[in-house]
Amino acid sequence: MSKKNTAATIATIIVAVLAIATTLFLLYQTSQQQIQENQYNYVPSDEVNEEMNMNAVTLIKNNCEVFRIYLQYGLPHQAEPYNNVPEDGYYTVKSENYKTFSDIETLVNSTFVEKDTIDRKKRQSVSSQT
């Protein structure tokens, strides 16, 4: 091996090691910055904490109900005469709690949309006060 090839090989190895070290350093710095950005110091007040505890039971119950309706059992329905499939493909729902589609829509919105919006507004007002 000649001296030119040895010098070129050593220079290539040094440049590669520096590139790897620089990349690792930048990845470390970026991850540390993201960790710091994701940390926040929000501590809910006793009133907010009590309200969250009271609403948690209702939200969990409603979440289970939505899960049951959409993913597990659906709604009870009336059987067609002679157990035939309905011509239009839709069974008539027989439910005491949900008489129209808007009743189900209200359940979903009150569980996943309205509560989230209310909680987000409360968090924003609390953070703006501090």
C-alpha atoms as a PDB file:
ATOM      1  CA  MET A   1       0.000   0.000   0.000  1.00  0.00           C
ATOM      2  CA  SER A   2       1.423   3.339  -0.969  1.00  0.00           C
ATOM      3  CA  LYS A   3       1.668   6.420   1.197  1.00  0.00           C
ATOM      4  CA  LYS A   4      -0.909   8.249  -0.965  1.00  0.00           C
ATOM      5  CA  ASN A   5      -3.500   5.506  -0.439  1.00  0.00           C
ATOM      6  CA  THR A   6      -2.802   5.343   3.306  1.00  0.00           C
ATOM      7  CA  ALA A   7      -3.185   9.108   3.720  1.00  0.00           C
ATOM      8  CA  ALA A   8      -6.400   9.129   1.698  1.00  0.00           C
ATOM      9  CA  THR A   9      -7.811   6.238   3.710  1.00  0.00           C
ATOM     10  CA  ILE A  10      -6.964   7.920   7.024  1.00  0.00           C
ATOM     11  CA  ALA A  11      -8.470  11.224   5.843  1.00  0.00           C
ATOM     12  CA  THR A  12     -11.657   9.426   4.734  1.00  0.00           C
ATOM     13  CA  ILE A  13     -11.950   7.661   8.099  1.00  0.00           C
ATOM     14  CA  ILE A  14     -11.446  10.938   9.991  1.00  0.00           C
ATOM     15  CA  VAL A  15     -14.085  12.727   7.890  1.00  0.00           C
ATOM     16  CA  ALA A  16     -16.529   9.827   8.353  1.00  0.00           C
ATOM     17  CA  VAL A  17     -16.017   9.784  12.126  1.00  0.00           C
ATOM     18  CA  LEU A  18     -16.520  13.564  12.317  1.00  0.00           C
ATOM     19  CA  ALA A  19     -19.705  13.314  10.212  1.00  0.00           C
ATOM     20  CA  ILE A  20     -21.108  10.560  12.427  1.00  0.00           C
ATOM     21  CA  ALA A  21     -20.180  12.472  15.595  1.00  0.00           C
ATOM     22  CA  THR A  22     -21.798  15.662  14.278  1.00  0.00           C
ATOM     23  CA  THR A  23     -24.975  13.782  13.301  1.00  0.00           C
ATOM     24  CA  LEU A  24     -25.219  12.120  16.712  1.00  0.00           C
ATOM     25  CA  PHE A  25     -24.645  15.436  18.476  1.00  0.00           C
ATOM     26  CA  LEU A  26     -27.366  17.174  16.435  1.00  0.00           C
ATOM     27  CA  LEU A  27     -29.816  14.309  17.040  1.00  0.00           C
ATOM     28  CA  TYR A  28     -29.140  14.530  20.767  1.00  0.00           C
ATOM     29  CA  GLN A  29     -29.661  18.304  20.804  1.00  0.00           C
ATOM     30  CA  THR A  30     -32.919  18.001  18.841  1.00  0.00           C
ATOM     31  CA  SER A  31     -34.299  15.307  21.141  1.00  0.00           C
ATOM     32  CA  GLN A  32     -33.440  17.374  24.227  1.00  0.00           C
ATOM     33  CA  GLN A  33     -35.181  20.398  22.742  1.00  0.00           C
ATOM     34  CA  GLN A  34     -38.310  18.358  21.957  1.00  0.00           C
ATOM     35  CA  ILE A  35     -38.379  16.938  25.487  1.00  0.00           C
ATOM     36  CA  GLN A  36     -38.208  20.445  26.940  1.00  0.00           C
ATOM     37  CA  GLU A  37     -40.968  21.705  24.631  1.00  0.00           C
ATOM     38  CA  ASN A  38     -43.283  18.836  25.616  1.00  0.00           C
ATOM     39  CA  GLN A  39     -42.956  19.437  29.340  1.00  0.00           C
ATOM     40  CA  TYR A  40     -45.407  21.795  30.931  1.00  0.00           C
ATOM     41  CA  ASN A  41     -46.073  22.809  34.478  1.00  0.00           C
ATOM     42  CA  TYR A  42     -49.881  22.868  34.507  1.00  0.00           C
ATOM     43  CA  VAL A  43     -51.260  21.845  37.883  1.00  0.00           C
ATOM     44  CA  PRO A  44     -55.064  21.875  38.025  1.00  0.00           C
ATOM     45  CA  SER A  45     -56.710  23.701  40.880  1.00  0.00           C
ATOM     46  CA  ASP A  46     -58.743  21.762  43.428  1.00  0.00           C
ATOM     47  CA  GLU A  47     -61.962  22.945  41.786  1.00  0.00           C
ATOM     48  CA  VAL A  48     -60.868  21.771  38.326  1.00  0.00           C
ATOM     49  CA  ASN A  49     -59.582  18.504  39.762  1.00  0.00           C
ATOM     50  CA  GLU A  50     -62.896  17.836  41.532  1.00  0.00           C
ATOM     51  CA  GLU A  51     -64.863  18.652  38.371  1.00  0.00           C
ATOM     52  CA  MET A  52     -62.673  16.317  36.291  1.00  0.00           C
ATOM     53  CA  ASN A  53     -63.255  13.512  38.786  1.00  0.00           C
ATOM     54  CA  MET A  54     -67.018  14.027  38.669  1.00  0.00           C
ATOM     55  CA  ASN A  55     -67.112  14.134  34.855  1.00  0.00           C
ATOM     56  CA  ALA A  56     -64.800  11.147  34.412  1.00  0.00           C
ATOM     57  CA  VAL A  57     -67.496   8.659  35.458  1.00  0.00           C
ATOM     58  CA  THR A  58     -70.009  10.063  32.974  1.00  0.00           C
ATOM     59  CA  LEU A  59     -67.464  10.227  30.168  1.00  0.00           C
ATOM     60  CA  ILE A  60     -66.346   6.642  30.719  1.00  0.00           C
ATOM     61  CA  LYS A  61     -69.958   5.424  30.829  1.00  0.00           C
ATOM     62  CA  ASN A  62     -70.813   7.299  27.619  1.00  0.00           C
ATOM     63  CA  ASN A  63     -67.618   6.114  25.934  1.00  0.00           C
ATOM     64  CA  CYS A  64     -68.542   2.498  26.714  1.00  0.00           C
ATOM     65  CA  GLU A  65     -72.045   3.085  25.370  1.00  0.00           C
ATOM     66  CA  VAL A  66     -70.718   4.523  22.091  1.00  0.00           C
ATOM     67  CA  PHE A  67     -68.243   1.640  21.804  1.00  0.00           C
ATOM     68  CA  ARG A  68     -71.062  -0.861  22.383  1.00  0.00           C
ATOM     69  CA  ILE A  69     -73.338   0.753  19.789  1.00  0.00           C
ATOM     70  CA  TYR A  70     -70.770   1.265  17.022  1.00  0.00           C
ATOM     71  CA  LEU A  71     -68.350  -1.624  17.477  1.00  0.00           C
ATOM     72  CA  GLN A  72     -69.958  -4.415  19.467  1.00  0.00           C
ATOM     73  CA  TYR A  73     -73.680  -4.992  19.327  1.00  0.00           C
ATOM     74  CA  GLY A  74     -75.354  -2.120  17.552  1.00  0.00           C
ATOM     75  CA  LEU A  75     -78.913  -1.271  18.521  1.00  0.00           C
ATOM     76  CA  PRO A  76     -81.712  -3.747  19.086  1.00  0.00           C
ATOM     77  CA  HIS A  77     -83.968  -4.031  16.056  1.00  0.00           C
ATOM     78  CA  GLN A  78     -87.271  -5.533  15.091  1.00  0.00           C
ATOM     79  CA  ALA A  79     -87.073  -8.777  13.174  1.00  0.00           C
ATOM     80  CA  GLU A  80     -88.621  -8.763   9.740  1.00  0.00           C
ATOM     81  CA  PRO A  81     -91.502 -11.160   9.075  1.00  0.00           C
ATOM     82  CA  TYR A  82     -90.211 -14.694   8.567  1.00  0.00           C
ATOM     83  CA  ASN A  83     -86.705 -13.449   9.447  1.00  0.00           C
ATOM     84  CA  ASN A  84     -86.242 -11.992   5.982  1.00  0.00           C
ATOM     85  CA  VAL A  85     -83.632  -9.384   5.194  1.00  0.00           C
ATOM     86  CA  PRO A  86     -85.264  -5.955   4.704  1.00  0.00           C
ATOM     87  CA  GLU A  87     -85.621  -4.875   1.094  1.00  0.00           C
ATOM     88  CA  ASP A  88     -83.741  -1.625   1.658  1.00  0.00           C
ATOM     89  CA  GLY A  89     -81.099  -3.314   3.852  1.00  0.00           C
ATOM     90  CA  TYR A  90     -82.057  -1.384   6.990  1.00  0.00           C
ATOM     91  CA  TYR A  91     -83.742  -2.895  10.020  1.00  0.00           C
ATOM     92  CA  THR A  92     -86.185  -0.924  12.142  1.00  0.00           C
ATOM     93  CA  VAL A  93     -84.460  -0.013  15.404  1.00  0.00           C
ATOM     94  CA  LYS A  94     -86.337  -0.769  18.586  1.00  0.00           C
ATOM     95  CA  SER A  95     -84.672   1.253  21.349  1.00  0.00           C
ATOM     96  CA  GLU A  96     -86.025   3.155  24.312  1.00  0.00           C
ATOM     97  CA  ASN A  97     -82.988   5.443  24.577  1.00  0.00           C
ATOM     98  CA  TYR A  98     -82.324   6.212  20.916  1.00  0.00           C
ATOM     99  CA  LYS A  99     -85.447   6.914  18.896  1.00  0.00           C
ATOM    100  CA  THR A 100     -83.723   8.869  16.104  1.00  0.00           C
ATOM    101  CA  PHE A 101     -80.249   9.142  14.667  1.00  0.00           C
ATOM    102  CA  SER A 102     -79.901  12.581  16.248  1.00  0.00           C
ATOM    103  CA  ASP A 103     -80.190  10.937  19.694  1.00  0.00           C
ATOM    104  CA  ILE A 104     -77.083   8.872  18.938  1.00  0.00           C
ATOM    105  CA  GLU A 105     -75.378  11.907  17.436  1.00  0.00           C
ATOM    106  CA  THR A 106     -76.084  13.851  20.636  1.00  0.00           C
ATOM    107  CA  LEU A 107     -74.513  11.067  22.701  1.00  0.00           C
ATOM    108  CA  VAL A 108     -71.367  11.022  20.543  1.00  0.00           C
ATOM    109  CA  ASN A 109     -71.033  14.815  20.480  1.00  0.00           C
ATOM    110  CA  SER A 110     -71.589  15.185  24.213  1.00  0.00           C
ATOM    111  CA  THR A 111     -69.006  12.501  24.923  1.00  0.00           C
ATOM    112  CA  PHE A 112     -66.233  13.345  22.485  1.00  0.00           C
ATOM    113  CA  VAL A 113     -66.793  16.862  21.175  1.00  0.00           C
ATOM    114  CA  GLU A 114     -68.542  19.130  23.636  1.00  0.00           C
ATOM    115  CA  LYS A 115     -66.714  17.962  26.760  1.00  0.00           C
ATOM    116  CA  ASP A 116     -63.350  18.266  25.038  1.00  0.00           C
ATOM    117  CA  THR A 117     -64.177  21.765  23.872  1.00  0.00           C
ATOM    118  CA  ILE A 118     -65.318  22.805  27.347  1.00  0.00           C
ATOM    119  CA  ASP A 119     -62.232  21.290  28.994  1.00  0.00           C
ATOM    120  CA  ARG A 120     -59.921  22.934  26.460  1.00  0.00           C
ATOM    121  CA  LYS A 121     -61.533  26.327  27.095  1.00  0.00           C
ATOM    122  CA  LYS A 122     -61.156  25.850  30.854  1.00  0.00           C
ATOM    123  CA  ARG A 123     -57.485  24.935  30.487  1.00  0.00           C
ATOM    124  CA  GLN A 124     -56.910  27.984  28.304  1.00  0.00           C
ATOM    125  CA  SER A 125     -58.623  30.310  30.784  1.00  0.00           C
ATOM    126  CA  VAL A 126     -56.654  28.825  33.688  1.00  0.00           C
ATOM    127  CA  SER A 127     -53.343  29.117  31.818  1.00  0.00           C
ATOM    128  CA  SER A 128     -54.108  32.717  30.821  1.00  0.00           C
ATOM    129  CA  GLN A 129     -54.792  33.594  34.468  1.00  0.00           C
ATOM    130  CA  THR A 130     -51.378  32.354  35.601  1.00  0.00           C
END
